[in-house]
Full PDB file with SEQRES, HELIX, SHEET, SSBOND, CRYST1, ORIGX, SCALE, CONECT and MASTER records, all heavy atoms in Angstrom:
SEQRES   1 A   35  PRO ASP THR TYR LYS ALA GLN LEU TRP TYR ALA GLU THR          
SEQRES   2 A   35  ASN THR PRO VAL MET GLN LYS LYS ASP GLU LEU ARG LEU          
SEQRES   3 A   35  LYS GLY PHE GLY PHE ASN TRP SER HIS                          
HELIX    1 AA1 PRO A   16  LYS A   20  5                                   5    
HELIX    2 AA2 LYS A   21  LEU A   24  1                                   4    
SHEET    1 AA1 2 LYS A  27  PHE A  29  0                                        
SHEET    2 AA1 2 ASN A  32  SER A  34 -1                                        
CRYST1    1.000    1.000    1.000  90.00  90.00  90.00 P 1           1          
ORIGX1      1.000000  0.000000  0.000000        0.00000                         
ORIGX2      0.000000  1.000000  0.000000        0.00000                         
ORIGX3      0.000000  0.000000  1.000000        0.00000                         
SCALE1      1.000000  0.000000  0.000000        0.00000                         
SCALE2      0.000000  1.000000  0.000000        0.00000                         
SCALE3      0.000000  0.000000  1.000000        0.00000                         
ATOM      1  N   PRO A   1     -18.461  13.596  -8.602  1.00  0.00           N  
ATOM      2  CA  PRO A   1     -19.309  12.863  -7.707  1.00  0.00           C  
ATOM      3  C   PRO A   1     -19.698  13.754  -6.575  1.00  0.00           C  
ATOM      4  O   PRO A   1     -18.996  14.747  -6.322  1.00  0.00           O  
ATOM      5  CB  PRO A   1     -18.504  11.719  -7.163  1.00  0.00           C  
ATOM      6  CG  PRO A   1     -17.061  12.196  -7.401  1.00  0.00           C  
ATOM      7  CD  PRO A   1     -17.049  13.099  -8.623  1.00  0.00           C  
ATOM      8  N   ASP A   2     -20.778  13.511  -5.920  1.00  0.00           N  
ATOM      9  CA  ASP A   2     -21.276  14.419  -4.787  1.00  0.00           C  
ATOM     10  C   ASP A   2     -20.183  14.539  -3.757  1.00  0.00           C  
ATOM     11  O   ASP A   2     -19.973  15.648  -3.244  1.00  0.00           O  
ATOM     12  CB  ASP A   2     -22.534  13.782  -4.183  1.00  0.00           C  
ATOM     13  CG  ASP A   2     -23.712  13.877  -5.147  1.00  0.00           C  
ATOM     14  OD1 ASP A   2     -24.136  14.933  -5.520  1.00  0.00           O  
ATOM     15  OD2 ASP A   2     -24.257  12.847  -5.493  1.00  0.00           O  
ATOM     16  N   THR A   3     -19.604  13.431  -3.287  1.00  0.00           N  
ATOM     17  CA  THR A   3     -18.480  13.506  -2.328  1.00  0.00           C  
ATOM     18  C   THR A   3     -17.368  12.566  -2.857  1.00  0.00           C  
ATOM     19  O   THR A   3     -17.564  11.704  -3.724  1.00  0.00           O  
ATOM     20  CB  THR A   3     -18.903  13.068  -0.912  1.00  0.00           C  
ATOM     21  OG1 THR A   3     -19.330  11.740  -1.001  1.00  0.00           O  
ATOM     22  CG2 THR A   3     -20.020  13.961  -0.374  1.00  0.00           C  
ATOM     23  N   TYR A   4     -16.172  12.765  -2.265  1.00  0.00           N  
ATOM     24  CA  TYR A   4     -15.069  11.867  -2.709  1.00  0.00           C  
ATOM     25  C   TYR A   4     -14.162  11.787  -1.364  1.00  0.00           C  
ATOM     26  O   TYR A   4     -14.244  12.632  -0.436  1.00  0.00           O  
ATOM     27  CB  TYR A   4     -14.265  12.407  -3.739  1.00  0.00           C  
ATOM     28  CG  TYR A   4     -13.373  13.571  -3.446  1.00  0.00           C  
ATOM     29  CD1 TYR A   4     -11.974  13.397  -3.167  1.00  0.00           C  
ATOM     30  CD2 TYR A   4     -13.840  14.933  -3.252  1.00  0.00           C  
ATOM     31  CE1 TYR A   4     -11.153  14.390  -2.820  1.00  0.00           C  
ATOM     32  CE2 TYR A   4     -12.989  15.902  -2.846  1.00  0.00           C  
ATOM     33  CZ  TYR A   4     -11.634  15.634  -2.668  1.00  0.00           C  
ATOM     34  OH  TYR A   4     -10.810  16.675  -2.269  1.00  0.00           O  
ATOM     35  N   LYS A   5     -13.274  10.858  -1.381  1.00  0.00           N  
ATOM     36  CA  LYS A   5     -12.167  10.889  -0.449  1.00  0.00           C  
ATOM     37  C   LYS A   5     -10.937  10.295  -1.198  1.00  0.00           C  
ATOM     38  O   LYS A   5     -11.004   9.251  -1.803  1.00  0.00           O  
ATOM     39  CB  LYS A   5     -12.432  10.006   0.799  1.00  0.00           C  
ATOM     40  CG  LYS A   5     -11.247  10.146   1.794  1.00  0.00           C  
ATOM     41  CD  LYS A   5     -11.474   9.468   3.076  1.00  0.00           C  
ATOM     42  CE  LYS A   5     -10.219   9.742   4.010  1.00  0.00           C  
ATOM     43  NZ  LYS A   5     -10.337   9.105   5.280  1.00  0.00           N  
ATOM     44  N   ALA A   6      -9.820  10.973  -1.044  1.00  0.00           N  
ATOM     45  CA  ALA A   6      -8.458  10.531  -1.527  1.00  0.00           C  
ATOM     46  C   ALA A   6      -7.764  10.190  -0.312  1.00  0.00           C  
ATOM     47  O   ALA A   6      -7.445  10.988   0.557  1.00  0.00           O  
ATOM     48  CB  ALA A   6      -7.816  11.628  -2.288  1.00  0.00           C  
ATOM     49  N   GLN A   7      -7.463   8.868  -0.080  1.00  0.00           N  
ATOM     50  CA  GLN A   7      -6.788   8.465   1.110  1.00  0.00           C  
ATOM     51  C   GLN A   7      -5.460   7.740   0.849  1.00  0.00           C  
ATOM     52  O   GLN A   7      -5.348   7.114  -0.251  1.00  0.00           O  
ATOM     53  CB  GLN A   7      -7.727   7.534   1.920  1.00  0.00           C  
ATOM     54  CG  GLN A   7      -8.145   6.257   1.279  1.00  0.00           C  
ATOM     55  CD  GLN A   7      -9.200   5.596   2.132  1.00  0.00           C  
ATOM     56  OE1 GLN A   7     -10.348   5.907   2.179  1.00  0.00           O  
ATOM     57  NE2 GLN A   7      -8.722   4.471   2.759  1.00  0.00           N  
ATOM     58  N   LEU A   8      -4.608   7.831   1.780  1.00  0.00           N  
ATOM     59  CA  LEU A   8      -3.251   7.184   1.648  1.00  0.00           C  
ATOM     60  C   LEU A   8      -3.386   5.705   1.582  1.00  0.00           C  
ATOM     61  O   LEU A   8      -4.146   5.093   2.335  1.00  0.00           O  
ATOM     62  CB  LEU A   8      -2.433   7.672   2.847  1.00  0.00           C  
ATOM     63  CG  LEU A   8      -0.914   7.376   2.812  1.00  0.00           C  
ATOM     64  CD1 LEU A   8      -0.225   8.084   1.616  1.00  0.00           C  
ATOM     65  CD2 LEU A   8      -0.230   7.746   4.111  1.00  0.00           C  
ATOM     66  N   TRP A   9      -2.713   5.106   0.685  1.00  0.00           N  
ATOM     67  CA  TRP A   9      -2.673   3.623   0.559  1.00  0.00           C  
ATOM     68  C   TRP A   9      -2.109   3.052   1.856  1.00  0.00           C  
ATOM     69  O   TRP A   9      -1.077   3.599   2.462  1.00  0.00           O  
ATOM     70  CB  TRP A   9      -1.804   3.149  -0.593  1.00  0.00           C  
ATOM     71  CG  TRP A   9      -1.609   1.652  -0.562  1.00  0.00           C  
ATOM     72  CD1 TRP A   9      -2.588   0.723  -0.614  1.00  0.00           C  
ATOM     73  CD2 TRP A   9      -0.366   0.928  -0.519  1.00  0.00           C  
ATOM     74  NE1 TRP A   9      -2.018  -0.546  -0.585  1.00  0.00           N  
ATOM     75  CE2 TRP A   9      -0.702  -0.494  -0.542  1.00  0.00           C  
ATOM     76  CE3 TRP A   9       0.982   1.319  -0.501  1.00  0.00           C  
ATOM     77  CZ2 TRP A   9       0.272  -1.460  -0.582  1.00  0.00           C  
ATOM     78  CZ3 TRP A   9       1.967   0.399  -0.492  1.00  0.00           C  
ATOM     79  CH2 TRP A   9       1.578  -0.999  -0.463  1.00  0.00           C  
ATOM     80  N   TYR A  10      -2.780   2.047   2.489  1.00  0.00           N  
ATOM     81  CA  TYR A  10      -2.314   1.344   3.633  1.00  0.00           C  
ATOM     82  C   TYR A  10      -1.704   0.013   3.275  1.00  0.00           C  
ATOM     83  O   TYR A  10      -2.379  -0.825   2.769  1.00  0.00           O  
ATOM     84  CB  TYR A  10      -3.600   1.149   4.578  1.00  0.00           C  
ATOM     85  CG  TYR A  10      -3.152   0.682   5.940  1.00  0.00           C  
ATOM     86  CD1 TYR A  10      -2.831   1.548   6.994  1.00  0.00           C  
ATOM     87  CD2 TYR A  10      -3.232  -0.667   6.232  1.00  0.00           C  
ATOM     88  CE1 TYR A  10      -2.453   1.072   8.238  1.00  0.00           C  
ATOM     89  CE2 TYR A  10      -2.858  -1.177   7.460  1.00  0.00           C  
ATOM     90  CZ  TYR A  10      -2.483  -0.307   8.456  1.00  0.00           C  
ATOM     91  OH  TYR A  10      -2.166  -0.830   9.748  1.00  0.00           O  
ATOM     92  N   ALA A  11      -0.485  -0.096   3.567  1.00  0.00           N  
ATOM     93  CA  ALA A  11       0.269  -1.363   3.179  1.00  0.00           C  
ATOM     94  C   ALA A  11      -0.049  -2.415   4.241  1.00  0.00           C  
ATOM     95  O   ALA A  11       0.594  -2.483   5.286  1.00  0.00           O  
ATOM     96  CB  ALA A  11       1.790  -1.002   3.110  1.00  0.00           C  
ATOM     97  N   GLU A  12      -0.967  -3.265   3.873  1.00  0.00           N  
ATOM     98  CA  GLU A  12      -1.394  -4.275   4.818  1.00  0.00           C  
ATOM     99  C   GLU A  12      -0.740  -5.610   4.419  1.00  0.00           C  
ATOM    100  O   GLU A  12      -0.563  -5.960   3.242  1.00  0.00           O  
ATOM    101  CB  GLU A  12      -2.959  -4.491   4.689  1.00  0.00           C  
ATOM    102  CG  GLU A  12      -3.536  -5.369   5.722  1.00  0.00           C  
ATOM    103  CD  GLU A  12      -5.046  -5.466   5.600  1.00  0.00           C  
ATOM    104  OE1 GLU A  12      -5.629  -4.649   4.901  1.00  0.00           O  
ATOM    105  OE2 GLU A  12      -5.683  -6.314   6.203  1.00  0.00           O  
ATOM    106  N   THR A  13      -0.245  -6.306   5.456  1.00  0.00           N  
ATOM    107  CA  THR A  13       0.553  -7.486   5.286  1.00  0.00           C  
ATOM    108  C   THR A  13      -0.026  -8.553   4.423  1.00  0.00           C  
ATOM    109  O   THR A  13       0.526  -9.061   3.476  1.00  0.00           O  
ATOM    110  CB  THR A  13       0.944  -8.096   6.629  1.00  0.00           C  
ATOM    111  OG1 THR A  13       1.608  -7.019   7.413  1.00  0.00           O  
ATOM    112  CG2 THR A  13       1.973  -9.263   6.435  1.00  0.00           C  
ATOM    113  N   ASN A  14      -1.254  -8.947   4.766  1.00  0.00           N  
ATOM    114  CA  ASN A  14      -1.861 -10.153   4.125  1.00  0.00           C  
ATOM    115  C   ASN A  14      -2.697  -9.820   2.874  1.00  0.00           C  
ATOM    116  O   ASN A  14      -3.799 -10.214   2.787  1.00  0.00           O  
ATOM    117  CB  ASN A  14      -2.733 -10.892   5.162  1.00  0.00           C  
ATOM    118  CG  ASN A  14      -3.123 -12.292   4.768  1.00  0.00           C  
ATOM    119  OD1 ASN A  14      -2.303 -12.963   4.070  1.00  0.00           O  
ATOM    120  ND2 ASN A  14      -4.267 -12.735   5.168  1.00  0.00           N  
ATOM    121  N   THR A  15      -2.131  -9.075   1.937  1.00  0.00           N  
ATOM    122  CA  THR A  15      -2.742  -8.660   0.746  1.00  0.00           C  
ATOM    123  C   THR A  15      -1.965  -9.190  -0.505  1.00  0.00           C  
ATOM    124  O   THR A  15      -0.821  -9.441  -0.431  1.00  0.00           O  
ATOM    125  CB  THR A  15      -2.846  -7.142   0.631  1.00  0.00           C  
ATOM    126  OG1 THR A  15      -1.592  -6.528   0.861  1.00  0.00           O  
ATOM    127  CG2 THR A  15      -3.813  -6.582   1.754  1.00  0.00           C  
ATOM    128  N   PRO A  16      -2.652  -9.398  -1.601  1.00  0.00           N  
ATOM    129  CA  PRO A  16      -1.950  -9.990  -2.760  1.00  0.00           C  
ATOM    130  C   PRO A  16      -0.797  -9.268  -3.258  1.00  0.00           C  
ATOM    131  O   PRO A  16       0.132  -9.803  -3.709  1.00  0.00           O  
ATOM    132  CB  PRO A  16      -3.106  -9.939  -3.791  1.00  0.00           C  
ATOM    133  CG  PRO A  16      -4.433 -10.095  -2.965  1.00  0.00           C  
ATOM    134  CD  PRO A  16      -4.149  -9.298  -1.795  1.00  0.00           C  
ATOM    135  N   VAL A  17      -0.857  -7.937  -3.146  1.00  0.00           N  
ATOM    136  CA  VAL A  17       0.318  -7.077  -3.635  1.00  0.00           C  
ATOM    137  C   VAL A  17       1.578  -7.464  -2.892  1.00  0.00           C  
ATOM    138  O   VAL A  17       2.692  -7.320  -3.453  1.00  0.00           O  
ATOM    139  CB  VAL A  17       0.023  -5.617  -3.503  1.00  0.00           C  
ATOM    140  CG1 VAL A  17       0.001  -5.108  -2.115  1.00  0.00           C  
ATOM    141  CG2 VAL A  17       1.045  -4.842  -4.373  1.00  0.00           C  
ATOM    142  N   MET A  18       1.469  -7.958  -1.630  1.00  0.00           N  
ATOM    143  CA  MET A  18       2.704  -8.219  -0.907  1.00  0.00           C  
ATOM    144  C   MET A  18       3.437  -9.414  -1.476  1.00  0.00           C  
ATOM    145  O   MET A  18       4.606  -9.699  -1.072  1.00  0.00           O  
ATOM    146  CB  MET A  18       2.295  -8.547   0.570  1.00  0.00           C  
ATOM    147  CG  MET A  18       1.857  -7.225   1.361  1.00  0.00           C  
ATOM    148  SD  MET A  18       3.166  -6.020   1.372  1.00  0.00           S  
ATOM    149  CE  MET A  18       2.414  -4.670   2.255  1.00  0.00           C  
ATOM    150  N   GLN A  19       2.825 -10.212  -2.270  1.00  0.00           N  
ATOM    151  CA  GLN A  19       3.527 -11.333  -2.943  1.00  0.00           C  
ATOM    152  C   GLN A  19       4.529 -10.870  -3.947  1.00  0.00           C  
ATOM    153  O   GLN A  19       5.426 -11.570  -4.343  1.00  0.00           O  
ATOM    154  CB  GLN A  19       2.491 -12.223  -3.663  1.00  0.00           C  
ATOM    155  CG  GLN A  19       1.472 -12.890  -2.740  1.00  0.00           C  
ATOM    156  CD  GLN A  19       0.409 -13.663  -3.451  1.00  0.00           C  
ATOM    157  OE1 GLN A  19       0.494 -13.917  -4.673  1.00  0.00           O  
ATOM    158  NE2 GLN A  19      -0.592 -14.051  -2.688  1.00  0.00           N  
ATOM    159  N   LYS A  20       4.432  -9.540  -4.322  1.00  0.00           N  
ATOM    160  CA  LYS A  20       5.380  -8.905  -5.275  1.00  0.00           C  
ATOM    161  C   LYS A  20       6.272  -7.900  -4.488  1.00  0.00           C  
ATOM    162  O   LYS A  20       6.792  -7.023  -5.139  1.00  0.00           O  
ATOM    163  CB  LYS A  20       4.639  -8.252  -6.420  1.00  0.00           C  
ATOM    164  CG  LYS A  20       3.753  -9.164  -7.223  1.00  0.00           C  
ATOM    165  CD  LYS A  20       3.083  -8.391  -8.379  1.00  0.00           C  
ATOM    166  CE  LYS A  20       2.268  -9.252  -9.229  1.00  0.00           C  
ATOM    167  NZ  LYS A  20       1.541  -8.566 -10.311  1.00  0.00           N  
ATOM    168  N   LYS A  21       6.464  -8.035  -3.230  1.00  0.00           N  
ATOM    169  CA  LYS A  21       7.102  -7.094  -2.433  1.00  0.00           C  
ATOM    170  C   LYS A  21       8.551  -6.884  -2.926  1.00  0.00           C  
ATOM    171  O   LYS A  21       8.934  -5.661  -3.073  1.00  0.00           O  
ATOM    172  CB  LYS A  21       7.120  -7.604  -0.971  1.00  0.00           C  
ATOM    173  CG  LYS A  21       7.648  -6.657   0.026  1.00  0.00           C  
ATOM    174  CD  LYS A  21       7.545  -7.222   1.478  1.00  0.00           C  
ATOM    175  CE  LYS A  21       8.011  -6.264   2.517  1.00  0.00           C  
ATOM    176  NZ  LYS A  21       7.904  -6.787   3.808  1.00  0.00           N  
ATOM    177  N   ASP A  22       9.269  -7.883  -3.213  1.00  0.00           N  
ATOM    178  CA  ASP A  22      10.653  -7.653  -3.640  1.00  0.00           C  
ATOM    179  C   ASP A  22      10.713  -7.030  -4.996  1.00  0.00           C  
ATOM    180  O   ASP A  22      11.500  -6.139  -5.261  1.00  0.00           O  
ATOM    181  CB  ASP A  22      11.370  -9.034  -3.642  1.00  0.00           C  
ATOM    182  CG  ASP A  22      11.593  -9.652  -2.197  1.00  0.00           C  
ATOM    183  OD1 ASP A  22      11.534  -8.826  -1.313  1.00  0.00           O  
ATOM    184  OD2 ASP A  22      11.707 -10.842  -2.118  1.00  0.00           O  
ATOM    185  N   GLU A  23       9.871  -7.483  -5.947  1.00  0.00           N  
ATOM    186  CA  GLU A  23       9.803  -6.960  -7.281  1.00  0.00           C  
ATOM    187  C   GLU A  23       9.428  -5.450  -7.284  1.00  0.00           C  
ATOM    188  O   GLU A  23      10.058  -4.700  -8.075  1.00  0.00           O  
ATOM    189  CB  GLU A  23       8.729  -7.755  -8.117  1.00  0.00           C  
ATOM    190  CG  GLU A  23       8.519  -7.188  -9.456  1.00  0.00           C  
ATOM    191  CD  GLU A  23       7.338  -7.853 -10.136  1.00  0.00           C  
ATOM    192  OE1 GLU A  23       6.921  -8.882  -9.740  1.00  0.00           O  
ATOM    193  OE2 GLU A  23       6.748  -7.273 -11.111  1.00  0.00           O  
ATOM    194  N   LEU A  24       8.601  -5.003  -6.353  1.00  0.00           N  
ATOM    195  CA  LEU A  24       8.207  -3.635  -6.291  1.00  0.00           C  
ATOM    196  C   LEU A  24       9.079  -2.831  -5.364  1.00  0.00           C  
ATOM    197  O   LEU A  24       8.831  -1.585  -5.225  1.00  0.00           O  
ATOM    198  CB  LEU A  24       6.795  -3.627  -5.768  1.00  0.00           C  
ATOM    199  CG  LEU A  24       5.700  -4.252  -6.577  1.00  0.00           C  
ATOM    200  CD1 LEU A  24       4.342  -4.328  -5.887  1.00  0.00           C  
ATOM    201  CD2 LEU A  24       5.510  -3.605  -7.956  1.00  0.00           C  
ATOM    202  N   ARG A  25      10.122  -3.402  -4.701  1.00  0.00           N  
ATOM    203  CA  ARG A  25      10.967  -2.818  -3.793  1.00  0.00           C  
ATOM    204  C   ARG A  25      10.198  -2.091  -2.690  1.00  0.00           C  
ATOM    205  O   ARG A  25      10.394  -0.991  -2.313  1.00  0.00           O  
ATOM    206  CB  ARG A  25      11.915  -1.738  -4.529  1.00  0.00           C  
ATOM    207  CG  ARG A  25      12.796  -2.364  -5.610  1.00  0.00           C  
ATOM    208  CD  ARG A  25      13.952  -1.474  -5.984  1.00  0.00           C  
ATOM    209  NE  ARG A  25      13.563  -0.179  -6.536  1.00  0.00           N  
ATOM    210  CZ  ARG A  25      13.296   0.064  -7.783  1.00  0.00           C  
ATOM    211  NH1 ARG A  25      13.276  -0.966  -8.690  1.00  0.00           N  
ATOM    212  NH2 ARG A  25      12.950   1.282  -8.140  1.00  0.00           N  
ATOM    213  N   LEU A  26       9.191  -2.852  -2.239  1.00  0.00           N  
ATOM    214  CA  LEU A  26       8.267  -2.363  -1.224  1.00  0.00           C  
ATOM    215  C   LEU A  26       8.819  -2.560   0.146  1.00  0.00           C  
ATOM    216  O   LEU A  26       9.151  -3.703   0.598  1.00  0.00           O  
ATOM    217  CB  LEU A  26       6.956  -3.129  -1.374  1.00  0.00           C  
ATOM    218  CG  LEU A  26       5.870  -2.763  -0.346  1.00  0.00           C  
ATOM    219  CD1 LEU A  26       5.539  -1.238  -0.371  1.00  0.00           C  
ATOM    220  CD2 LEU A  26       4.607  -3.514  -0.701  1.00  0.00           C  
ATOM    221  N   LYS A  27       8.949  -1.461   0.853  1.00  0.00           N  
ATOM    222  CA  LYS A  27       9.444  -1.481   2.245  1.00  0.00           C  
ATOM    223  C   LYS A  27       8.439  -0.784   3.206  1.00  0.00           C  
ATOM    224  O   LYS A  27       7.690   0.122   2.761  1.00  0.00           O  
ATOM    225  CB  LYS A  27      10.809  -0.830   2.385  1.00  0.00           C  
ATOM    226  CG  LYS A  27      11.892  -1.511   1.511  1.00  0.00           C  
ATOM    227  CD  LYS A  27      13.217  -0.758   1.618  1.00  0.00           C  
ATOM    228  CE  LYS A  27      14.297  -1.369   0.725  1.00  0.00           C  
ATOM    229  NZ  LYS A  27      15.549  -0.670   0.822  1.00  0.00           N  
ATOM    230  N   GLY A  28       8.490  -1.251   4.477  1.00  0.00           N  
ATOM    231  CA  GLY A  28       7.533  -0.635   5.462  1.00  0.00           C  
ATOM    232  C   GLY A  28       6.138  -1.267   5.436  1.00  0.00           C  
ATOM    233  O   GLY A  28       5.918  -2.246   4.739  1.00  0.00           O  
ATOM    234  N   PHE A  29       5.281  -0.721   6.293  1.00  0.00           N  
ATOM    235  CA  PHE A  29       3.945  -1.249   6.352  1.00  0.00           C  
ATOM    236  C   PHE A  29       3.060  -0.134   6.883  1.00  0.00           C  
ATOM    237  O   PHE A  29       3.450   0.941   7.354  1.00  0.00           O  
ATOM    238  CB  PHE A  29       3.948  -2.496   7.231  1.00  0.00           C  
ATOM    239  CG  PHE A  29       4.295  -2.225   8.722  1.00  0.00           C  
ATOM    240  CD1 PHE A  29       3.406  -1.808   9.674  1.00  0.00           C  
ATOM    241  CD2 PHE A  29       5.693  -2.300   8.990  1.00  0.00           C  
ATOM    242  CE1 PHE A  29       3.803  -1.600  10.971  1.00  0.00           C  
ATOM    243  CE2 PHE A  29       6.054  -2.047  10.399  1.00  0.00           C  
ATOM    244  CZ  PHE A  29       5.178  -1.683  11.242  1.00  0.00           C  
ATOM    245  N   GLY A  30       1.720  -0.408   6.936  1.00  0.00           N  
ATOM    246  CA  GLY A  30       0.790   0.578   7.400  1.00  0.00           C  
ATOM    247  C   GLY A  30       0.871   1.830   6.564  1.00  0.00           C  
ATOM    248  O   GLY A  30       0.794   1.803   5.299  1.00  0.00           O  
ATOM    249  N   PHE A  31       0.879   3.007   7.244  1.00  0.00           N  
ATOM    250  CA  PHE A  31       0.969   4.288   6.509  1.00  0.00           C  
ATOM    251  C   PHE A  31       2.433   4.776   6.332  1.00  0.00           C  
ATOM    252  O   PHE A  31       2.603   5.857   5.816  1.00  0.00           O  
ATOM    253  CB  PHE A  31       0.204   5.338   7.294  1.00  0.00           C  
ATOM    254  CG  PHE A  31      -1.247   5.226   7.329  1.00  0.00           C  
ATOM    255  CD1 PHE A  31      -2.075   5.127   8.385  1.00  0.00           C  
ATOM    256  CD2 PHE A  31      -1.917   5.260   6.023  1.00  0.00           C  
ATOM    257  CE1 PHE A  31      -3.421   5.026   8.355  1.00  0.00           C  
ATOM    258  CE2 PHE A  31      -3.394   5.172   5.957  1.00  0.00           C  
ATOM    259  CZ  PHE A  31      -4.044   5.084   7.091  1.00  0.00           C  
ATOM    260  N   ASN A  32       3.412   3.908   6.651  1.00  0.00           N  
ATOM    261  CA  ASN A  32       4.786   4.341   6.478  1.00  0.00           C  
ATOM    262  C   ASN A  32       5.471   3.332   5.539  1.00  0.00           C  
ATOM    263  O   ASN A  32       5.864   2.265   5.948  1.00  0.00           O  
ATOM    264  CB  ASN A  32       5.525   4.319   7.826  1.00  0.00           C  
ATOM    265  CG  ASN A  32       6.950   4.844   7.776  1.00  0.00           C  
ATOM    266  OD1 ASN A  32       7.325   5.519   6.812  1.00  0.00           O  
ATOM    267  ND2 ASN A  32       7.708   4.520   8.724  1.00  0.00           N  
ATOM    268  N   TRP A  33       5.585   3.676   4.255  1.00  0.00           N  
ATOM    269  CA  TRP A  33       6.113   2.812   3.262  1.00  0.00           C  
ATOM    270  C   TRP A  33       6.849   3.536   2.153  1.00  0.00           C  
ATOM    271  O   TRP A  33       6.768   4.744   1.961  1.00  0.00           O  
ATOM    272  CB  TRP A  33       4.995   1.976   2.684  1.00  0.00           C  
ATOM    273  CG  TRP A  33       3.776   2.816   2.326  1.00  0.00           C  
ATOM    274  CD1 TRP A  33       2.698   2.915   3.007  1.00  0.00           C  
ATOM    275  CD2 TRP A  33       3.600   3.613   1.109  1.00  0.00           C  
ATOM    276  NE1 TRP A  33       1.764   3.769   2.353  1.00  0.00           N  
ATOM    277  CE2 TRP A  33       2.327   4.227   1.232  1.00  0.00           C  
ATOM    278  CE3 TRP A  33       4.431   3.858   0.029  1.00  0.00           C  
ATOM    279  CZ2 TRP A  33       1.843   5.063   0.199  1.00  0.00           C  
ATOM    280  CZ3 TRP A  33       3.916   4.704  -0.955  1.00  0.00           C  
ATOM    281  CH2 TRP A  33       2.674   5.263  -0.920  1.00  0.00           C  
ATOM    282  N   SER A  34       7.547   2.736   1.362  1.00  0.00           N  
ATOM    283  CA  SER A  34       8.154   3.250   0.099  1.00  0.00           C  
ATOM    284  C   SER A  34       8.165   2.073  -0.910  1.00  0.00           C  
ATOM    285  O   SER A  34       8.242   0.932  -0.508  1.00  0.00           O  
ATOM    286  CB  SER A  34       9.543   3.807   0.270  1.00  0.00           C  
ATOM    287  OG  SER A  34      10.480   2.712   0.696  1.00  0.00           O  
ATOM    288  N   HIS A  35       8.160   2.422  -2.201  1.00  0.00           N  
ATOM    289  CA  HIS A  35       8.248   1.389  -3.222  1.00  0.00           C  
ATOM    290  C   HIS A  35       8.856   1.984  -4.486  1.00  0.00           C  
ATOM    291  O   HIS A  35       9.397   3.094  -4.382  1.00  0.00           O  
ATOM    292  CB  HIS A  35       6.918   0.736  -3.577  1.00  0.00           C  
ATOM    293  CG  HIS A  35       5.730   1.709  -3.861  1.00  0.00           C  
ATOM    294  ND1 HIS A  35       5.759   2.517  -4.935  1.00  0.00           N  
ATOM    295  CD2 HIS A  35       4.601   1.970  -3.170  1.00  0.00           C  
ATOM    296  CE1 HIS A  35       4.655   3.271  -4.993  1.00  0.00           C  
ATOM    297  NE2 HIS A  35       3.972   2.931  -3.919  1.00  0.00           N  
TER     298      HIS A  35                                                      
MASTER        0    0    0    2    2    0    0    6  297    1    0    3          
END                                                                             
């Protein structure tokens, strides 16, 4: 593509993936997280 951006996933609280937080072993929020 002419341009691209690869950006760090931002762990936002009110998003569908957070419903699986425990299953994904997701900890942290914003730009500071682990799963």
